[in-house]
Amino acid sequence: MVGMINSKYGYEPPEWVQVDDWLDKWCKDKKRCEKKRRKQHAKDKKMSLP
C-alpha cells in the first residue's frame, strides 16, 4: 500500500499531493495574470484618445 501524506486536503497518496500542488500554483498564477490584465485594461481605457 502506498504511504499516505497529510496535505491541506486530508490524507492523500503522493501523486494526488503533487497534482494538488500543481493546481494550486496554476490557480494562483491565473488569478495573478487576470488581475494584471484588468489593471492594464483600465490603464489603456484611461489613456485612450477621443
N, C-alpha and C. Protein backbone atom coordinates (compact mmCIF):
# COMPACT_ATOMS: atom_id res chain seq x y z
N MET A 1 0.85 -1.19 0.00
CA MET A 1 0.00 0.00 0.00
C MET A 1 0.89 1.24 0.00
N VAL A 2 0.46 2.23 -0.71
CA VAL A 2 1.19 3.48 -0.81
C VAL A 2 1.04 4.27 0.48
N GLY A 3 2.14 4.89 0.92
CA GLY A 3 2.07 5.71 2.13
C GLY A 3 1.25 6.97 1.87
N MET A 4 0.39 7.27 2.78
CA MET A 4 -0.46 8.45 2.63
C MET A 4 0.26 9.67 3.22
N ILE A 5 0.03 10.81 2.61
CA ILE A 5 0.64 12.06 3.04
C ILE A 5 -0.46 12.98 3.54
N ASN A 6 -0.21 13.63 4.66
CA ASN A 6 -1.19 14.57 5.19
C ASN A 6 -1.00 15.91 4.48
N SER A 7 -1.97 16.31 3.67
CA SER A 7 -1.92 17.58 2.96
C SER A 7 -3.03 18.48 3.50
N LYS A 8 -3.15 19.65 2.91
CA LYS A 8 -4.21 20.55 3.40
C LYS A 8 -5.60 20.05 3.05
N TYR A 9 -5.68 19.03 2.18
CA TYR A 9 -6.96 18.45 1.81
C TYR A 9 -7.22 17.12 2.52
N GLY A 10 -6.37 16.75 3.46
CA GLY A 10 -6.52 15.48 4.17
C GLY A 10 -5.42 14.52 3.78
N TYR A 11 -5.57 13.26 4.12
CA TYR A 11 -4.58 12.25 3.78
C TYR A 11 -4.79 11.78 2.34
N GLU A 12 -3.74 11.87 1.53
CA GLU A 12 -3.82 11.51 0.13
C GLU A 12 -2.56 10.79 -0.31
N PRO A 13 -2.63 10.05 -1.43
CA PRO A 13 -1.43 9.43 -1.99
C PRO A 13 -0.48 10.51 -2.52
N PRO A 14 0.81 10.22 -2.62
CA PRO A 14 1.79 11.22 -3.08
C PRO A 14 1.45 11.83 -4.45
N GLU A 15 0.92 11.02 -5.36
CA GLU A 15 0.58 11.54 -6.69
C GLU A 15 -0.48 12.63 -6.61
N TRP A 16 -1.46 12.41 -5.75
CA TRP A 16 -2.53 13.40 -5.61
C TRP A 16 -2.00 14.69 -5.01
N VAL A 17 -1.05 14.56 -4.07
CA VAL A 17 -0.47 15.74 -3.43
C VAL A 17 0.27 16.57 -4.48
N GLN A 18 0.99 15.90 -5.38
CA GLN A 18 1.70 16.62 -6.44
C GLN A 18 0.73 17.33 -7.37
N VAL A 19 -0.35 16.67 -7.72
CA VAL A 19 -1.35 17.28 -8.60
C VAL A 19 -2.03 18.45 -7.91
N ASP A 20 -2.36 18.30 -6.63
CA ASP A 20 -2.97 19.39 -5.88
C ASP A 20 -2.04 20.60 -5.84
N ASP A 21 -0.76 20.35 -5.64
CA ASP A 21 0.22 21.44 -5.60
C ASP A 21 0.27 22.15 -6.95
N TRP A 22 0.30 21.36 -8.02
CA TRP A 22 0.35 21.94 -9.36
C TRP A 22 -0.90 22.78 -9.63
N LEU A 23 -2.07 22.26 -9.26
CA LEU A 23 -3.33 23.00 -9.48
C LEU A 23 -3.38 24.28 -8.65
N ASP A 24 -2.90 24.23 -7.41
CA ASP A 24 -2.87 25.43 -6.57
C ASP A 24 -2.00 26.51 -7.19
N LYS A 25 -0.83 26.12 -7.68
CA LYS A 25 0.07 27.08 -8.33
C LYS A 25 -0.56 27.64 -9.59
N TRP A 26 -1.22 26.78 -10.37
CA TRP A 26 -1.85 27.21 -11.61
C TRP A 26 -2.96 28.22 -11.34
N CYS A 27 -3.80 27.93 -10.34
CA CYS A 27 -4.90 28.84 -9.98
C CYS A 27 -4.37 30.17 -9.48
N LYS A 28 -3.34 30.13 -8.66
CA LYS A 28 -2.75 31.35 -8.13
C LYS A 28 -2.18 32.20 -9.26
N ASP A 29 -1.49 31.56 -10.20
CA ASP A 29 -0.92 32.27 -11.33
C ASP A 29 -2.01 32.84 -12.23
N LYS A 30 -3.09 32.07 -12.42
CA LYS A 30 -4.20 32.53 -13.25
C LYS A 30 -4.84 33.78 -12.64
N LYS A 31 -5.05 33.77 -11.32
CA LYS A 31 -5.62 34.94 -10.65
C LYS A 31 -4.70 36.14 -10.77
N ARG A 32 -3.38 35.91 -10.63
CA ARG A 32 -2.41 36.99 -10.72
C ARG A 32 -2.43 37.59 -12.12
N CYS A 33 -2.47 36.74 -13.14
CA CYS A 33 -2.50 37.22 -14.53
C CYS A 33 -3.79 37.98 -14.82
N GLU A 34 -4.90 37.48 -14.31
CA GLU A 34 -6.18 38.15 -14.53
C GLU A 34 -6.18 39.54 -13.89
N LYS A 35 -5.63 39.64 -12.70
CA LYS A 35 -5.55 40.93 -12.01
C LYS A 35 -4.69 41.91 -12.82
N LYS A 36 -3.57 41.41 -13.32
CA LYS A 36 -2.67 42.23 -14.13
C LYS A 36 -3.36 42.68 -15.41
N ARG A 37 -4.11 41.77 -16.03
CA ARG A 37 -4.82 42.08 -17.26
C ARG A 37 -5.88 43.15 -17.04
N ARG A 38 -6.62 43.06 -15.91
CA ARG A 38 -7.64 44.06 -15.60
C ARG A 38 -7.02 45.42 -15.36
N LYS A 39 -5.87 45.44 -14.66
CA LYS A 39 -5.18 46.69 -14.41
C LYS A 39 -4.75 47.34 -15.71
N GLN A 40 -4.19 46.53 -16.62
CA GLN A 40 -3.72 47.05 -17.91
C GLN A 40 -4.90 47.56 -18.73
N HIS A 41 -6.02 46.87 -18.69
CA HIS A 41 -7.20 47.30 -19.44
C HIS A 41 -7.70 48.65 -18.92
N ALA A 42 -7.74 48.81 -17.60
CA ALA A 42 -8.17 50.08 -17.01
C ALA A 42 -7.21 51.19 -17.39
N LYS A 43 -5.95 50.88 -17.40
CA LYS A 43 -4.93 51.87 -17.75
C LYS A 43 -5.08 52.28 -19.22
N ASP A 44 -5.30 51.30 -20.10
CA ASP A 44 -5.48 51.59 -21.52
C ASP A 44 -6.74 52.41 -21.75
N LYS A 45 -7.78 52.12 -20.98
CA LYS A 45 -9.04 52.85 -21.12
C LYS A 45 -8.86 54.32 -20.75
N LYS A 46 -8.08 54.58 -19.70
CA LYS A 46 -7.82 55.95 -19.26
C LYS A 46 -7.03 56.72 -20.30
N MET A 47 -6.09 56.05 -20.95
CA MET A 47 -5.16 56.72 -21.87
C MET A 47 -5.71 56.82 -23.28
N SER A 48 -6.89 56.28 -23.56
CA SER A 48 -7.41 56.30 -24.91
C SER A 48 -7.70 57.74 -25.35
N LEU A 49 -7.43 57.98 -26.62
CA LEU A 49 -7.65 59.32 -27.19
C LEU A 49 -9.08 59.44 -27.69
N PRO A 50 -9.69 60.62 -27.57
CA PRO A 50 -11.08 60.81 -28.01
C PRO A 50 -11.22 60.78 -29.50
